[in-house]
Amino acid sequence: MMLETHKQVFKEVLTLPPMEKIDLVDQILASLDRHDKEIDALWSQEL
């Protein structure tokens, strides 16, 4: 089910103008760059 949703979203994104696609990619990348306190704690234990 989730894969189908991703396919639908991707189809819609392909219809966007280039600058809107770039803005969307920037927002997605920024959301991945956030620090997760739990993950940071686990990494500090590993080090």
N, C-alpha and C. Protein backbone atom coordinates (compact mmCIF):
# COMPACT_ATOMS: atom_id res chain seq x y z
N MET A 1 0.82 -1.20 0.00
CA MET A 1 0.00 0.00 0.00
C MET A 1 0.86 1.26 0.00
N MET A 2 1.86 1.28 0.86
CA MET A 2 2.70 2.47 0.96
C MET A 2 3.45 2.69 -0.34
N LEU A 3 3.88 1.62 -0.98
CA LEU A 3 4.59 1.74 -2.25
C LEU A 3 3.70 2.41 -3.30
N GLU A 4 2.43 2.07 -3.31
CA GLU A 4 1.50 2.68 -4.25
C GLU A 4 1.38 4.18 -4.00
N THR A 5 1.34 4.57 -2.72
CA THR A 5 1.28 5.99 -2.37
C THR A 5 2.53 6.71 -2.86
N HIS A 6 3.69 6.07 -2.67
CA HIS A 6 4.94 6.68 -3.14
C HIS A 6 4.93 6.87 -4.65
N LYS A 7 4.41 5.89 -5.35
CA LYS A 7 4.33 6.00 -6.80
C LYS A 7 3.43 7.15 -7.21
N GLN A 8 2.32 7.32 -6.52
CA GLN A 8 1.39 8.41 -6.84
C GLN A 8 2.04 9.76 -6.56
N VAL A 9 2.72 9.86 -5.44
CA VAL A 9 3.40 11.12 -5.10
C VAL A 9 4.47 11.42 -6.14
N PHE A 10 5.24 10.42 -6.52
CA PHE A 10 6.29 10.63 -7.51
C PHE A 10 5.71 11.12 -8.84
N LYS A 11 4.60 10.51 -9.27
CA LYS A 11 3.95 10.95 -10.51
C LYS A 11 3.56 12.43 -10.43
N GLU A 12 3.04 12.83 -9.28
CA GLU A 12 2.64 14.23 -9.10
C GLU A 12 3.85 15.15 -9.10
N VAL A 13 4.92 14.72 -8.45
CA VAL A 13 6.14 15.53 -8.40
C VAL A 13 6.70 15.75 -9.80
N LEU A 14 6.61 14.76 -10.64
CA LEU A 14 7.14 14.89 -12.00
C LEU A 14 6.43 15.99 -12.79
N THR A 15 5.23 16.35 -12.39
CA THR A 15 4.50 17.39 -13.11
C THR A 15 4.87 18.80 -12.63
N LEU A 16 5.64 18.90 -11.56
CA LEU A 16 6.01 20.21 -11.02
C LEU A 16 7.06 20.88 -11.90
N PRO A 17 7.07 22.21 -11.89
CA PRO A 17 8.15 22.93 -12.57
C PRO A 17 9.48 22.64 -11.86
N PRO A 18 10.59 22.77 -12.58
CA PRO A 18 11.90 22.45 -12.01
C PRO A 18 12.21 23.12 -10.67
N MET A 19 11.90 24.39 -10.53
CA MET A 19 12.22 25.09 -9.27
C MET A 19 11.41 24.54 -8.10
N GLU A 20 10.17 24.12 -8.35
CA GLU A 20 9.37 23.54 -7.28
C GLU A 20 9.91 22.16 -6.89
N LYS A 21 10.41 21.42 -7.87
CA LYS A 21 11.04 20.14 -7.57
C LYS A 21 12.26 20.35 -6.69
N ILE A 22 13.07 21.34 -7.05
CA ILE A 22 14.28 21.63 -6.27
C ILE A 22 13.91 22.01 -4.84
N ASP A 23 12.89 22.84 -4.68
CA ASP A 23 12.44 23.24 -3.35
C ASP A 23 11.98 22.02 -2.55
N LEU A 24 11.26 21.14 -3.19
CA LEU A 24 10.79 19.92 -2.53
C LEU A 24 11.96 19.04 -2.09
N VAL A 25 12.93 18.87 -2.97
CA VAL A 25 14.11 18.07 -2.64
C VAL A 25 14.86 18.70 -1.46
N ASP A 26 15.01 20.01 -1.47
CA ASP A 26 15.67 20.71 -0.36
C ASP A 26 14.95 20.44 0.96
N GLN A 27 13.63 20.49 0.92
CA GLN A 27 12.86 20.25 2.15
C GLN A 27 13.01 18.81 2.63
N ILE A 28 13.00 17.88 1.70
CA ILE A 28 13.17 16.47 2.08
C ILE A 28 14.55 16.24 2.68
N LEU A 29 15.58 16.77 2.03
CA LEU A 29 16.94 16.61 2.55
C LEU A 29 17.10 17.27 3.92
N ALA A 30 16.50 18.42 4.11
CA ALA A 30 16.56 19.09 5.41
C ALA A 30 15.89 18.24 6.49
N SER A 31 14.82 17.56 6.13
CA SER A 31 14.13 16.73 7.12
C SER A 31 14.98 15.53 7.51
N LEU A 32 15.85 15.08 6.62
CA LEU A 32 16.73 13.95 6.92
C LEU A 32 17.94 14.37 7.74
N ASP A 33 18.24 15.64 7.75
CA ASP A 33 19.43 16.15 8.42
C ASP A 33 19.19 16.46 9.90
N ARG A 34 17.99 16.28 10.37
CA ARG A 34 17.69 16.55 11.77
C ARG A 34 18.33 15.49 12.66
N HIS A 35 18.77 15.93 13.83
CA HIS A 35 19.38 15.00 14.76
C HIS A 35 18.32 14.32 15.61
N ASP A 36 18.49 13.04 15.79
CA ASP A 36 17.61 12.25 16.63
C ASP A 36 18.35 11.99 17.94
N LYS A 37 17.79 12.44 19.05
CA LYS A 37 18.49 12.32 20.33
C LYS A 37 18.78 10.87 20.70
N GLU A 38 17.86 9.96 20.37
CA GLU A 38 18.09 8.55 20.67
C GLU A 38 19.27 8.00 19.88
N ILE A 39 19.32 8.34 18.61
CA ILE A 39 20.42 7.86 17.77
C ILE A 39 21.74 8.48 18.23
N ASP A 40 21.72 9.77 18.57
CA ASP A 40 22.93 10.42 19.07
C ASP A 40 23.42 9.74 20.35
N ALA A 41 22.51 9.38 21.23
CA ALA A 41 22.88 8.70 22.48
C ALA A 41 23.51 7.34 22.19
N LEU A 42 22.94 6.61 21.25
CA LEU A 42 23.50 5.30 20.89
C LEU A 42 24.90 5.45 20.28
N TRP A 43 25.07 6.45 19.44
CA TRP A 43 26.39 6.68 18.84
C TRP A 43 27.41 7.05 19.90
N SER A 44 27.02 7.85 20.86
CA SER A 44 27.98 8.25 21.90
C SER A 44 28.39 7.05 22.74
N GLN A 45 27.49 6.07 22.90
CA GLN A 45 27.84 4.85 23.63
C GLN A 45 28.83 4.01 22.82
N GLU A 46 28.70 4.01 21.51
CA GLU A 46 29.59 3.25 20.65
C GLU A 46 31.00 3.83 20.66
N LEU A 47 31.08 5.15 20.73
CA LEU A 47 32.38 5.80 20.69
C LEU A 47 33.04 5.62 22.03
